[in-house]
Amino acid sequence: MIDLDYYYSQKITNQKSFLWKRRHLKHGEIKKICFLFLRLMLFSAIIILTAASLYYGGSFIARSPYFSLQDIRFEGCKNVTPQELMGLANVRPGYNILALNLQEISQKIITNPWVKDVRIERNFPRQLIIEITERVPVALASQEGLFLVDREGDLFKKVERQDNIDMPVITGLSLSEPNTQRVKEILDFLETAEHMGVFPVSAVSEVHVDGDYGITVYTLTENISIQMSLKDYSEKLALVRSLKEDLAKRKIEPQAIEIISLDEAHVKIASSSKS
């Protein structure tokens, strides 16, 4: 038999305890939410203050005469003038040195055909240093005009009146395909020939390209032509050197040397030697 008085008294007591716990739980959650809200407000305020400081601070620095560009120094200019590069860069004294886009300036300067590389440095507070690496011409190439050629084999600039053209001329290049690799191989050949003592590069007047691999070298000082393919050219140059030494001992002046292979060569004798 159930004691109803005891049952209902316990039930009422439990309900009171549950309601108290519930109120206590809600109060804790409200405190926690308020604390999180205050943290969020504080964090937002810090972000806003930081952004405002950066904006107004940046605006102040951008207008400050302390960072006003006063000196632009160019280094490495030999064939191109600082005035030409200034015109390309579109940079003038008075610009704010912090507001300059150095990458954009570099891209403008490197459009000059003489310029191979550019390095720009801010020298605070008022100086800009622009260091130029120029291309060095080592030969000329005839291809719908006469072009200066650098050591990498690039035909980088059409020859103008003021340019130095006292260099070997590469002729016979294909007009239908890129020639950079071919020209570089010819330049390597000339350097090897000079290093081996076959002939100096300064004595070469012309290198004519014959077909895919063949070349004919015309020299000034010896007034002879040397024809060969570029395959295994080091060994072939050694053969040319031996032939020239042997002919010199016999006091025979060659007019042309043609290297067919490492085992075969043709020598044309100058008419003065035949007598």
C-alpha atoms as a PDB file:
ATOM      1  CA  MET A   1       0.000   0.000   0.000  1.00  0.00           C
ATOM      2  CA  ILE A   2       1.362   3.373  -1.027  1.00  0.00           C
ATOM      3  CA  ASP A   3       1.695   6.159   1.475  1.00  0.00           C
ATOM      4  CA  LEU A   4       0.226   9.003  -0.582  1.00  0.00           C
ATOM      5  CA  ASP A   5       1.232  11.730   1.850  1.00  0.00           C
ATOM      6  CA  TYR A   6       4.858  10.621   1.726  1.00  0.00           C
ATOM      7  CA  TYR A   7       4.775  10.185  -2.083  1.00  0.00           C
ATOM      8  CA  TYR A   8       3.418  13.627  -2.849  1.00  0.00           C
ATOM      9  CA  SER A   9       5.690  15.324  -0.335  1.00  0.00           C
ATOM     10  CA  GLN A  10       8.738  13.701  -1.962  1.00  0.00           C
ATOM     11  CA  LYS A  11       7.484  14.606  -5.398  1.00  0.00           C
ATOM     12  CA  ILE A  12       7.024  18.255  -4.456  1.00  0.00           C
ATOM     13  CA  THR A  13      10.479  18.338  -2.853  1.00  0.00           C
ATOM     14  CA  ASN A  14      12.106  16.868  -5.977  1.00  0.00           C
ATOM     15  CA  GLN A  15      10.290  19.344  -8.201  1.00  0.00           C
ATOM     16  CA  LYS A  16      11.509  22.255  -6.091  1.00  0.00           C
ATOM     17  CA  SER A  17      15.080  20.917  -6.248  1.00  0.00           C
ATOM     18  CA  PHE A  18      14.830  20.503 -10.047  1.00  0.00           C
ATOM     19  CA  LEU A  19      13.488  24.007 -10.529  1.00  0.00           C
ATOM     20  CA  TRP A  20      16.312  25.423  -8.400  1.00  0.00           C
ATOM     21  CA  LYS A  21      18.916  23.541 -10.394  1.00  0.00           C
ATOM     22  CA  ARG A  22      17.297  24.670 -13.607  1.00  0.00           C
ATOM     23  CA  ARG A  23      17.358  28.320 -12.521  1.00  0.00           C
ATOM     24  CA  HIS A  24      20.967  27.898 -11.410  1.00  0.00           C
ATOM     25  CA  LEU A  25      21.875  26.341 -14.774  1.00  0.00           C
ATOM     26  CA  LYS A  26      20.231  29.138 -16.759  1.00  0.00           C
ATOM     27  CA  HIS A  27      22.039  31.743 -14.673  1.00  0.00           C
ATOM     28  CA  GLY A  28      25.417  30.076 -15.411  1.00  0.00           C
ATOM     29  CA  GLU A  29      24.685  29.883 -19.123  1.00  0.00           C
ATOM     30  CA  ILE A  30      23.711  33.558 -19.213  1.00  0.00           C
ATOM     31  CA  LYS A  31      26.948  34.523 -17.463  1.00  0.00           C
ATOM     32  CA  LYS A  32      28.930  32.444 -19.930  1.00  0.00           C
ATOM     33  CA  ILE A  33      27.156  33.979 -22.937  1.00  0.00           C
ATOM     34  CA  CYS A  34      27.702  37.475 -21.556  1.00  0.00           C
ATOM     35  CA  PHE A  35      31.386  36.759 -21.015  1.00  0.00           C
ATOM     36  CA  LEU A  36      31.779  35.467 -24.593  1.00  0.00           C
ATOM     37  CA  PHE A  37      29.905  38.494 -25.926  1.00  0.00           C
ATOM     38  CA  LEU A  38      32.211  40.868 -24.023  1.00  0.00           C
ATOM     39  CA  ARG A  39      35.270  39.058 -25.371  1.00  0.00           C
ATOM     40  CA  LEU A  40      33.889  39.297 -28.905  1.00  0.00           C
ATOM     41  CA  MET A  41      33.200  43.013 -28.482  1.00  0.00           C
ATOM     42  CA  LEU A  42      36.712  43.586 -27.135  1.00  0.00           C
ATOM     43  CA  PHE A  43      38.272  41.623 -29.975  1.00  0.00           C
ATOM     44  CA  SER A  44      36.219  43.563 -32.546  1.00  0.00           C
ATOM     45  CA  ALA A  45      37.241  46.846 -30.967  1.00  0.00           C
ATOM     46  CA  ILE A  46      40.930  45.874 -31.128  1.00  0.00           C
ATOM     47  CA  ILE A  47      40.583  44.960 -34.827  1.00  0.00           C
ATOM     48  CA  ILE A  48      38.832  48.242 -35.629  1.00  0.00           C
ATOM     49  CA  LEU A  49      41.420  50.282 -33.718  1.00  0.00           C
ATOM     50  CA  THR A  50      44.299  48.426 -35.393  1.00  0.00           C
ATOM     51  CA  ALA A  51      42.800  48.906 -38.863  1.00  0.00           C
ATOM     52  CA  ALA A  52      42.201  52.576 -38.200  1.00  0.00           C
ATOM     53  CA  SER A  53      45.751  53.002 -36.907  1.00  0.00           C
ATOM     54  CA  LEU A  54      47.204  51.307 -39.969  1.00  0.00           C
ATOM     55  CA  TYR A  55      45.021  53.324 -42.335  1.00  0.00           C
ATOM     56  CA  TYR A  56      45.697  56.715 -40.814  1.00  0.00           C
ATOM     57  CA  GLY A  57      49.327  55.832 -40.065  1.00  0.00           C
ATOM     58  CA  GLY A  58      49.854  54.673 -43.642  1.00  0.00           C
ATOM     59  CA  SER A  59      48.196  57.801 -44.990  1.00  0.00           C
ATOM     60  CA  PHE A  60      50.440  59.944 -42.819  1.00  0.00           C
ATOM     61  CA  ILE A  61      53.594  58.102 -43.966  1.00  0.00           C
ATOM     62  CA  ALA A  62      52.488  58.291 -47.615  1.00  0.00           C
ATOM     63  CA  ARG A  63      52.164  62.080 -47.315  1.00  0.00           C
ATOM     64  CA  SER A  64      55.257  62.521 -45.198  1.00  0.00           C
ATOM     65  CA  PRO A  65      58.084  64.454 -46.917  1.00  0.00           C
ATOM     66  CA  TYR A  66      60.555  62.345 -44.916  1.00  0.00           C
ATOM     67  CA  PHE A  67      60.112  59.483 -47.433  1.00  0.00           C
ATOM     68  CA  SER A  68      60.045  61.722 -50.503  1.00  0.00           C
ATOM     69  CA  LEU A  69      62.354  60.321 -53.197  1.00  0.00           C
ATOM     70  CA  GLN A  70      65.317  62.641 -53.761  1.00  0.00           C
ATOM     71  CA  ASP A  71      68.000  60.522 -55.454  1.00  0.00           C
ATOM     72  CA  ILE A  72      67.776  57.763 -58.107  1.00  0.00           C
ATOM     73  CA  ARG A  73      71.100  56.009 -58.661  1.00  0.00           C
ATOM     74  CA  PHE A  74      71.715  53.719 -61.635  1.00  0.00           C
ATOM     75  CA  GLU A  75      74.556  51.193 -61.609  1.00  0.00           C
ATOM     76  CA  GLY A  76      75.894  49.019 -64.436  1.00  0.00           C
ATOM     77  CA  CYS A  77      74.852  51.257 -67.335  1.00  0.00           C
ATOM     78  CA  LYS A  78      77.298  51.048 -70.261  1.00  0.00           C
ATOM     79  CA  ASN A  79      75.329  50.830 -73.479  1.00  0.00           C
ATOM     80  CA  VAL A  80      72.106  52.294 -72.135  1.00  0.00           C
ATOM     81  CA  THR A  81      71.806  55.660 -70.378  1.00  0.00           C
ATOM     82  CA  PRO A  82      70.100  56.346 -67.034  1.00  0.00           C
ATOM     83  CA  GLN A  83      67.928  58.903 -68.827  1.00  0.00           C
ATOM     84  CA  GLU A  84      66.550  56.212 -71.135  1.00  0.00           C
ATOM     85  CA  LEU A  85      65.768  53.951 -68.191  1.00  0.00           C
ATOM     86  CA  MET A  86      64.216  56.810 -66.219  1.00  0.00           C
ATOM     87  CA  GLY A  87      61.822  57.361 -69.096  1.00  0.00           C
ATOM     88  CA  LEU A  88      60.856  53.682 -69.097  1.00  0.00           C
ATOM     89  CA  ALA A  89      60.487  53.417 -65.324  1.00  0.00           C
ATOM     90  CA  ASN A  90      58.401  56.591 -65.081  1.00  0.00           C
ATOM     91  CA  VAL A  91      59.905  57.378 -61.666  1.00  0.00           C
ATOM     92  CA  ARG A  92      60.634  60.936 -60.627  1.00  0.00           C
ATOM     93  CA  PRO A  93      62.089  62.656 -57.554  1.00  0.00           C
ATOM     94  CA  GLY A  94      59.321  63.564 -55.151  1.00  0.00           C
ATOM     95  CA  TYR A  95      57.544  60.203 -55.299  1.00  0.00           C
ATOM     96  CA  ASN A  96      57.024  58.472 -51.964  1.00  0.00           C
ATOM     97  CA  ILE A  97      59.657  55.755 -51.737  1.00  0.00           C
ATOM     98  CA  LEU A  98      57.331  53.391 -49.828  1.00  0.00           C
ATOM     99  CA  ALA A  99      54.563  53.679 -52.415  1.00  0.00           C
ATOM    100  CA  LEU A 100      56.769  52.586 -55.334  1.00  0.00           C
ATOM    101  CA  ASN A 101      56.004  49.201 -56.895  1.00  0.00           C
ATOM    102  CA  LEU A 102      59.512  47.840 -57.468  1.00  0.00           C
ATOM    103  CA  GLN A 103      58.362  44.821 -59.483  1.00  0.00           C
ATOM    104  CA  GLU A 104      56.409  47.016 -61.873  1.00  0.00           C
ATOM    105  CA  ILE A 105      59.402  49.330 -62.306  1.00  0.00           C
ATOM    106  CA  SER A 106      61.654  46.325 -63.053  1.00  0.00           C
ATOM    107  CA  GLN A 107      59.255  45.018 -65.693  1.00  0.00           C
ATOM    108  CA  LYS A 108      59.272  48.400 -67.432  1.00  0.00           C
ATOM    109  CA  ILE A 109      63.067  48.754 -67.394  1.00  0.00           C
ATOM    110  CA  ILE A 110      63.717  45.247 -68.697  1.00  0.00           C
ATOM    111  CA  THR A 111      61.831  46.069 -71.900  1.00  0.00           C
ATOM    112  CA  ASN A 112      65.020  47.831 -73.030  1.00  0.00           C
ATOM    113  CA  PRO A 113      66.838  45.281 -75.251  1.00  0.00           C
ATOM    114  CA  TRP A 114      70.203  45.945 -73.576  1.00  0.00           C
ATOM    115  CA  VAL A 115      68.874  45.092 -70.113  1.00  0.00           C
ATOM    116  CA  LYS A 116      69.222  41.464 -69.085  1.00  0.00           C
ATOM    117  CA  ASP A 117      68.368  41.781 -65.400  1.00  0.00           C
ATOM    118  CA  VAL A 118      67.321  44.483 -62.905  1.00  0.00           C
ATOM    119  CA  ARG A 119      67.719  44.700 -59.145  1.00  0.00           C
ATOM    120  CA  ILE A 120      66.084  47.604 -57.295  1.00  0.00           C
ATOM    121  CA  GLU A 121      66.741  48.497 -53.690  1.00  0.00           C
ATOM    122  CA  ARG A 122      65.217  51.138 -51.425  1.00  0.00           C
ATOM    123  CA  ASN A 123      67.890  53.017 -49.494  1.00  0.00           C
ATOM    124  CA  PHE A 124      65.827  54.729 -46.819  1.00  0.00           C
ATOM    125  CA  PRO A 125      64.726  57.343 -46.440  1.00  0.00           C
ATOM    126  CA  ARG A 126      65.080  59.054 -49.836  1.00  0.00           C
ATOM    127  CA  GLN A 127      67.215  57.039 -52.277  1.00  0.00           C
ATOM    128  CA  LEU A 128      66.448  54.387 -54.886  1.00  0.00           C
ATOM    129  CA  ILE A 129      69.282  52.202 -56.232  1.00  0.00           C
ATOM    130  CA  ILE A 130      68.663  50.519 -59.609  1.00  0.00           C
ATOM    131  CA  GLU A 131      71.341  47.993 -60.572  1.00  0.00           C
ATOM    132  CA  ILE A 132      71.390  46.961 -64.231  1.00  0.00           C
ATOM    133  CA  THR A 133      72.934  43.828 -65.731  1.00  0.00           C
ATOM    134  CA  GLU A 134      73.439  44.451 -69.429  1.00  0.00           C
ATOM    135  CA  ARG A 135      73.653  41.933 -72.225  1.00  0.00           C
ATOM    136  CA  VAL A 136      77.147  41.577 -73.683  1.00  0.00           C
ATOM    137  CA  PRO A 137      77.248  41.191 -77.490  1.00  0.00           C
ATOM    138  CA  VAL A 138      79.740  38.594 -78.704  1.00  0.00           C
ATOM    139  CA  ALA A 139      78.679  38.205 -82.330  1.00  0.00           C
ATOM    140  CA  LEU A 140      76.323  39.431 -85.027  1.00  0.00           C
ATOM    141  CA  ALA A 141      73.592  37.454 -86.768  1.00  0.00           C
ATOM    142  CA  SER A 142      72.091  38.125 -90.159  1.00  0.00           C
ATOM    143  CA  GLN A 143      68.386  37.330 -90.191  1.00  0.00           C
ATOM    144  CA  GLU A 144      66.185  39.812 -92.047  1.00  0.00           C
ATOM    145  CA  GLY A 145      68.563  42.448 -90.762  1.00  0.00           C
ATOM    146  CA  LEU A 146      71.698  42.488 -88.647  1.00  0.00           C
ATOM    147  CA  PHE A 147      71.288  41.690 -84.930  1.00  0.00           C
ATOM    148  CA  LEU A 148      73.529  41.741 -81.880  1.00  0.00           C
ATOM    149  CA  VAL A 149      73.909  38.310 -80.262  1.00  0.00           C
ATOM    150  CA  ASP A 150      74.704  37.632 -76.592  1.00  0.00           C
ATOM    151  CA  ARG A 151      76.512  34.629 -75.113  1.00  0.00           C
ATOM    152  CA  GLU A 152      73.231  32.760 -74.577  1.00  0.00           C
ATOM    153  CA  GLY A 153      72.569  32.853 -78.311  1.00  0.00           C
ATOM    154  CA  ASP A 154      69.764  35.422 -78.176  1.00  0.00           C
ATOM    155  CA  LEU A 155      69.398  37.889 -81.038  1.00  0.00           C
ATOM    156  CA  PHE A 156      68.498  40.661 -78.642  1.00  0.00           C
ATOM    157  CA  LYS A 157      68.786  43.887 -80.612  1.00  0.00           C
ATOM    158  CA  LYS A 158      68.876  45.124 -84.177  1.00  0.00           C
ATOM    159  CA  VAL A 159      72.164  46.832 -85.007  1.00  0.00           C
ATOM    160  CA  GLU A 160      72.099  50.622 -85.025  1.00  0.00           C
ATOM    161  CA  ARG A 161      74.600  53.172 -86.261  1.00  0.00           C
ATOM    162  CA  GLN A 162      76.266  53.662 -82.860  1.00  0.00           C
ATOM    163  CA  ASP A 163      76.676  49.942 -82.089  1.00  0.00           C
ATOM    164  CA  ASN A 164      80.035  48.177 -82.255  1.00  0.00           C
ATOM    165  CA  ILE A 165      79.992  45.611 -85.080  1.00  0.00           C
ATOM    166  CA  ASP A 166      83.599  44.427 -84.940  1.00  0.00           C
ATOM    167  CA  MET A 167      82.532  40.836 -84.266  1.00  0.00           C
ATOM    168  CA  PRO A 168      82.023  37.595 -86.221  1.00  0.00           C
ATOM    169  CA  VAL A 169      78.869  37.520 -88.336  1.00  0.00           C
ATOM    170  CA  ILE A 170      76.690  34.390 -88.343  1.00  0.00           C
ATOM    171  CA  THR A 171      74.899  33.962 -91.673  1.00  0.00           C
ATOM    172  CA  GLY A 172      72.635  31.355 -93.267  1.00  0.00           C
ATOM    173  CA  LEU A 173      70.288  31.043 -90.290  1.00  0.00           C
ATOM    174  CA  SER A 174      66.823  29.635 -90.882  1.00  0.00           C
ATOM    175  CA  LEU A 175      63.999  32.149 -91.000  1.00  0.00           C
ATOM    176  CA  SER A 176      61.305  29.577 -90.217  1.00  0.00           C
ATOM    177  CA  GLU A 177      62.485  28.347 -86.803  1.00  0.00           C
ATOM    178  CA  PRO A 178      64.127  29.640 -83.613  1.00  0.00           C
ATOM    179  CA  ASN A 179      67.910  29.838 -83.851  1.00  0.00           C
ATOM    180  CA  THR A 180      68.945  30.423 -80.238  1.00  0.00           C
ATOM    181  CA  GLN A 181      70.281  26.902 -79.667  1.00  0.00           C
ATOM    182  CA  ARG A 182      72.047  26.811 -83.035  1.00  0.00           C
ATOM    183  CA  VAL A 183      73.728  30.179 -82.421  1.00  0.00           C
ATOM    184  CA  LYS A 184      74.798  29.129 -78.918  1.00  0.00           C
ATOM    185  CA  GLU A 185      76.385  25.982 -80.328  1.00  0.00           C
ATOM    186  CA  ILE A 186      78.327  28.054 -82.870  1.00  0.00           C
ATOM    187  CA  LEU A 187      79.562  30.365 -80.118  1.00  0.00           C
ATOM    188  CA  ASP A 188      80.678  27.342 -78.090  1.00  0.00           C
ATOM    189  CA  PHE A 189      82.514  26.095 -81.193  1.00  0.00           C
ATOM    190  CA  LEU A 190      84.348  29.420 -81.633  1.00  0.00           C
ATOM    191  CA  GLU A 191      85.378  29.528 -77.975  1.00  0.00           C
ATOM    192  CA  THR A 192      86.660  25.955 -78.170  1.00  0.00           C
ATOM    193  CA  ALA A 193      88.635  26.764 -81.327  1.00  0.00           C
ATOM    194  CA  GLU A 194      90.288  29.720 -79.616  1.00  0.00           C
ATOM    195  CA  HIS A 195      91.017  27.700 -76.459  1.00  0.00           C
ATOM    196  CA  MET A 196      92.641  24.925 -78.547  1.00  0.00           C
ATOM    197  CA  GLY A 197      94.742  27.440 -80.457  1.00  0.00           C
ATOM    198  CA  VAL A 198      93.189  26.688 -83.864  1.00  0.00           C
ATOM    199  CA  PHE A 199      92.222  30.325 -84.508  1.00  0.00           C
ATOM    200  CA  PRO A 200      91.233  33.308 -82.322  1.00  0.00           C
ATOM    201  CA  VAL A 201      87.620  34.455 -82.328  1.00  0.00           C
ATOM    202  CA  SER A 202      88.788  37.965 -83.197  1.00  0.00           C
ATOM    203  CA  ALA A 203      90.195  36.591 -86.484  1.00  0.00           C
ATOM    204  CA  VAL A 204      86.815  35.204 -87.604  1.00  0.00           C
ATOM    205  CA  SER A 205      84.921  37.362 -90.062  1.00  0.00           C
ATOM    206  CA  GLU A 206      81.969  35.073 -90.782  1.00  0.00           C
ATOM    207  CA  VAL A 207      80.440  31.748 -89.799  1.00  0.00           C
ATOM    208  CA  HIS A 208      78.028  30.482 -92.440  1.00  0.00           C
ATOM    209  CA  VAL A 209      75.473  27.830 -91.496  1.00  0.00           C
ATOM    210  CA  ASP A 210      75.273  25.004 -94.053  1.00  0.00           C
ATOM    211  CA  GLY A 211      72.217  22.793 -93.621  1.00  0.00           C
ATOM    212  CA  ASP A 212      71.413  21.284 -90.240  1.00  0.00           C
ATOM    213  CA  TYR A 213      74.874  20.699 -88.768  1.00  0.00           C
ATOM    214  CA  GLY A 214      77.488  22.095 -91.131  1.00  0.00           C
ATOM    215  CA  ILE A 215      79.302  25.421 -90.870  1.00  0.00           C
ATOM    216  CA  THR A 216      81.960  27.232 -92.846  1.00  0.00           C
ATOM    217  CA  VAL A 217      84.305  29.546 -90.942  1.00  0.00           C
ATOM    218  CA  TYR A 218      86.005  32.406 -92.777  1.00  0.00           C
ATOM    219  CA  THR A 219      89.058  33.960 -91.126  1.00  0.00           C
ATOM    220  CA  LEU A 220      90.664  37.311 -91.789  1.00  0.00           C
ATOM    221  CA  THR A 221      94.282  36.964 -90.688  1.00  0.00           C
ATOM    222  CA  GLU A 222      94.908  33.626 -92.417  1.00  0.00           C
ATOM    223  CA  ASN A 223      92.457  34.233 -95.255  1.00  0.00           C
ATOM    224  CA  ILE A 224      91.234  30.635 -95.265  1.00  0.00           C
ATOM    225  CA  SER A 225      87.874  28.899 -94.923  1.00  0.00           C
ATOM    226  CA  ILE A 226      87.284  25.884 -92.687  1.00  0.00           C
ATOM    227  CA  GLN A 227      84.274  23.657 -93.342  1.00  0.00           C
ATOM    228  CA  MET A 228      82.957  20.928 -91.043  1.00  0.00           C
ATOM    229  CA  SER A 229      79.897  19.681 -89.233  1.00  0.00           C
ATOM    230  CA  LEU A 230      79.400  20.529 -85.572  1.00  0.00           C
ATOM    231  CA  LYS A 231      79.180  16.876 -84.580  1.00  0.00           C
ATOM    232  CA  ASP A 232      82.293  15.954 -82.546  1.00  0.00           C
ATOM    233  CA  TYR A 233      83.745  19.366 -83.350  1.00  0.00           C
ATOM    234  CA  SER A 234      86.439  19.216 -80.650  1.00  0.00           C
ATOM    235  CA  GLU A 235      88.077  16.224 -82.346  1.00  0.00           C
ATOM    236  CA  LYS A 236      87.681  17.855 -85.742  1.00  0.00           C
ATOM    237  CA  LEU A 237      89.283  21.069 -84.489  1.00  0.00           C
ATOM    238  CA  ALA A 238      92.224  19.006 -83.227  1.00  0.00           C
ATOM    239  CA  LEU A 239      92.546  17.589 -86.754  1.00  0.00           C
ATOM    240  CA  VAL A 240      92.479  21.100 -88.248  1.00  0.00           C
ATOM    241  CA  ARG A 241      95.201  22.179 -85.845  1.00  0.00           C
ATOM    242  CA  SER A 242      97.407  19.219 -86.880  1.00  0.00           C
ATOM    243  CA  LEU A 243      96.838  19.941 -90.556  1.00  0.00           C
ATOM    244  CA  LYS A 244      97.733  23.608 -90.164  1.00  0.00           C
ATOM    245  CA  GLU A 245     100.914  22.761 -88.233  1.00  0.00           C
ATOM    246  CA  ASP A 246     101.946  20.220 -90.855  1.00  0.00           C
ATOM    247  CA  LEU A 247     101.251  22.631 -93.731  1.00  0.00           C
ATOM    248  CA  ALA A 248     103.166  25.405 -91.975  1.00  0.00           C
ATOM    249  CA  LYS A 249     106.232  23.135 -91.643  1.00  0.00           C
ATOM    250  CA  ARG A 250     106.062  22.447 -95.365  1.00  0.00           C
ATOM    251  CA  LYS A 251     105.550  26.171 -96.041  1.00  0.00           C
ATOM    252  CA  ILE A 252     102.285  25.429 -97.785  1.00  0.00           C
ATOM    253  CA  GLU A 253      99.560  28.058 -97.502  1.00  0.00           C
ATOM    254  CA  PRO A 254      96.063  26.546 -97.429  1.00  0.00           C
ATOM    255  CA  GLN A 255      93.116  28.362 -98.978  1.00  0.00           C
ATOM    256  CA  ALA A 256      90.417  26.045 -97.677  1.00  0.00           C
ATOM    257  CA  ILE A 257      90.173  23.065 -95.324  1.00  0.00           C
ATOM    258  CA  GLU A 258      87.204  20.713 -95.407  1.00  0.00           C
ATOM    259  CA  ILE A 259      86.827  18.106 -92.678  1.00  0.00           C
ATOM    260  CA  ILE A 260      84.749  15.227 -94.051  1.00  0.00           C
ATOM    261  CA  SER A 261      85.201  12.976 -91.014  1.00  0.00           C
ATOM    262  CA  LEU A 262      87.802  12.297 -88.343  1.00  0.00           C
ATOM    263  CA  ASP A 263      89.628  10.160 -90.902  1.00  0.00           C
ATOM    264  CA  GLU A 264      89.243  12.287 -94.011  1.00  0.00           C
ATOM    265  CA  ALA A 265      90.021  15.888 -94.853  1.00  0.00           C
ATOM    266  CA  HIS A 266      90.414  17.907 -98.059  1.00  0.00           C
ATOM    267  CA  VAL A 267      92.850  20.799 -98.322  1.00  0.00           C
ATOM    268  CA  LYS A 268      92.809  23.362-101.093  1.00  0.00           C
ATOM    269  CA  ILE A 269      96.192  24.987-101.642  1.00  0.00           C
ATOM    270  CA  ALA A 270      96.486  28.708-102.289  1.00  0.00           C
ATOM    271  CA  SER A 271      97.753  29.602-105.758  1.00  0.00           C
ATOM    272  CA  SER A 272     100.810  31.379-104.307  1.00  0.00           C
ATOM    273  CA  SER A 273     101.943  28.105-102.671  1.00  0.00           C
ATOM    274  CA  LYS A 274     101.645  26.100-105.890  1.00  0.00           C
ATOM    275  CA  SER A 275     104.392  28.059-107.529  1.00  0.00           C
END
